[in-house]
Protein backbone atom coordinates (compact mmCIF):
# COMPACT_ATOMS: atom_id res chain seq x y z
CA MET A 1 139.41 5.21 -60.01
CA GLY A 2 139.68 3.76 -56.57
CA VAL A 3 141.37 3.71 -53.19
CA TYR A 4 144.56 1.84 -52.38
CA GLU A 5 146.65 0.83 -49.40
CA LEU A 6 150.41 0.36 -49.46
CA GLY A 7 152.04 -2.02 -46.99
CA ASP A 8 155.61 -2.66 -45.86
CA GLU A 9 157.39 -6.03 -45.89
CA ASN A 10 155.37 -7.08 -42.82
CA LYS A 11 152.16 -5.94 -44.53
CA ASN A 12 151.74 -3.02 -42.11
CA THR A 13 149.99 -0.06 -43.70
CA VAL A 14 152.34 2.75 -44.70
CA TYR A 15 150.00 4.79 -46.95
CA TYR A 16 146.38 5.19 -48.07
CA GLY A 17 145.58 7.03 -51.28
CA SER A 18 142.90 7.46 -53.90
CA GLY A 19 142.62 8.48 -57.52
CA LYS A 20 143.53 6.87 -60.82
CA VAL A 21 144.98 3.75 -59.24
CA LYS A 22 147.40 2.66 -61.98
CA THR A 23 148.78 6.18 -62.41
CA ARG A 24 149.14 6.76 -58.68
CA LEU A 25 150.85 3.41 -58.02
CA LEU A 26 153.32 4.07 -60.85
CA ASP A 27 153.98 7.54 -59.40
CA HIS A 28 154.80 6.01 -56.03
CA ILE A 29 157.17 3.49 -57.64
CA ASN A 30 158.87 5.81 -60.14
CA LYS A 31 159.29 8.73 -57.76
CA LYS A 32 160.23 6.45 -54.86
CA GLU A 33 157.67 8.30 -52.72
CA CYS A 34 157.06 5.33 -50.42
CA PRO A 35 160.31 3.33 -50.31
CA LEU A 36 159.04 0.98 -47.59
CA ALA A 37 156.06 -0.15 -49.70
CA ARG A 38 156.19 -3.77 -50.84
CA TYR A 39 152.49 -4.69 -51.10
CA TYR A 40 149.31 -3.02 -52.24
CA ARG A 41 145.56 -3.53 -51.95
CA ILE A 42 143.03 -1.86 -54.26
CA GLU A 43 139.31 -1.16 -54.13
CA TYR A 44 137.85 0.17 -57.39
CA MET A 45 134.95 2.65 -57.18
CA SER A 46 133.85 6.09 -58.33
CA GLU A 47 136.05 9.10 -57.59
CA THR A 48 133.58 10.47 -55.03
CA ASP A 49 133.30 7.13 -53.25
CA ALA A 50 137.09 6.68 -53.34
CA LYS A 51 137.69 9.98 -51.54
CA LYS A 52 135.11 9.06 -48.88
CA ARG A 53 136.59 5.59 -48.47
CA GLU A 54 140.13 6.98 -48.17
CA GLN A 55 138.99 9.31 -45.37
CA GLN A 56 137.19 6.43 -43.65
CA LEU A 57 140.31 4.23 -43.82
CA LEU A 58 142.49 7.03 -42.45
CA GLU A 59 140.07 7.68 -39.58
CA ASP A 60 139.88 3.96 -38.75
CA TYR A 61 143.68 3.75 -38.83
CA LYS A 62 144.02 6.74 -36.49
CA LYS A 63 141.54 5.25 -34.02
CA SER A 64 143.53 2.03 -33.80
CA HIS A 65 147.01 3.65 -33.80
CA GLY A 66 146.83 6.36 -31.15
CA GLU A 67 145.62 9.11 -33.53
CA LYS A 68 148.67 8.68 -35.79
CA LEU A 69 148.43 8.40 -39.57
CA PRO A 70 150.37 5.87 -41.67
CA ILE A 71 153.99 7.01 -42.04
CA TYR A 72 153.70 8.38 -45.58
CA ASN A 73 150.30 10.00 -44.99
CA GLU A 74 151.91 11.88 -42.07
CA ARG A 75 154.45 13.37 -44.48
CA VAL A 76 151.70 14.50 -46.84
CA GLY A 77 149.57 15.88 -44.04
């Protein structure tokens, strides 16, 4: 379990997610959910901590990007 960040070719964040990291990353690749993603960063932790960390990362991102979410988080809502 953990939280992960996907980045584009310029290493700009395009998505934050949490859960079973290996499964989720394979889902993104196999289903082509985030076609701009080229890089990833992972933090392993408990499921509860991962959800909290994901929300923290999204809030921090919004504060520094004019209240917008990363492109693929916007699509998810």
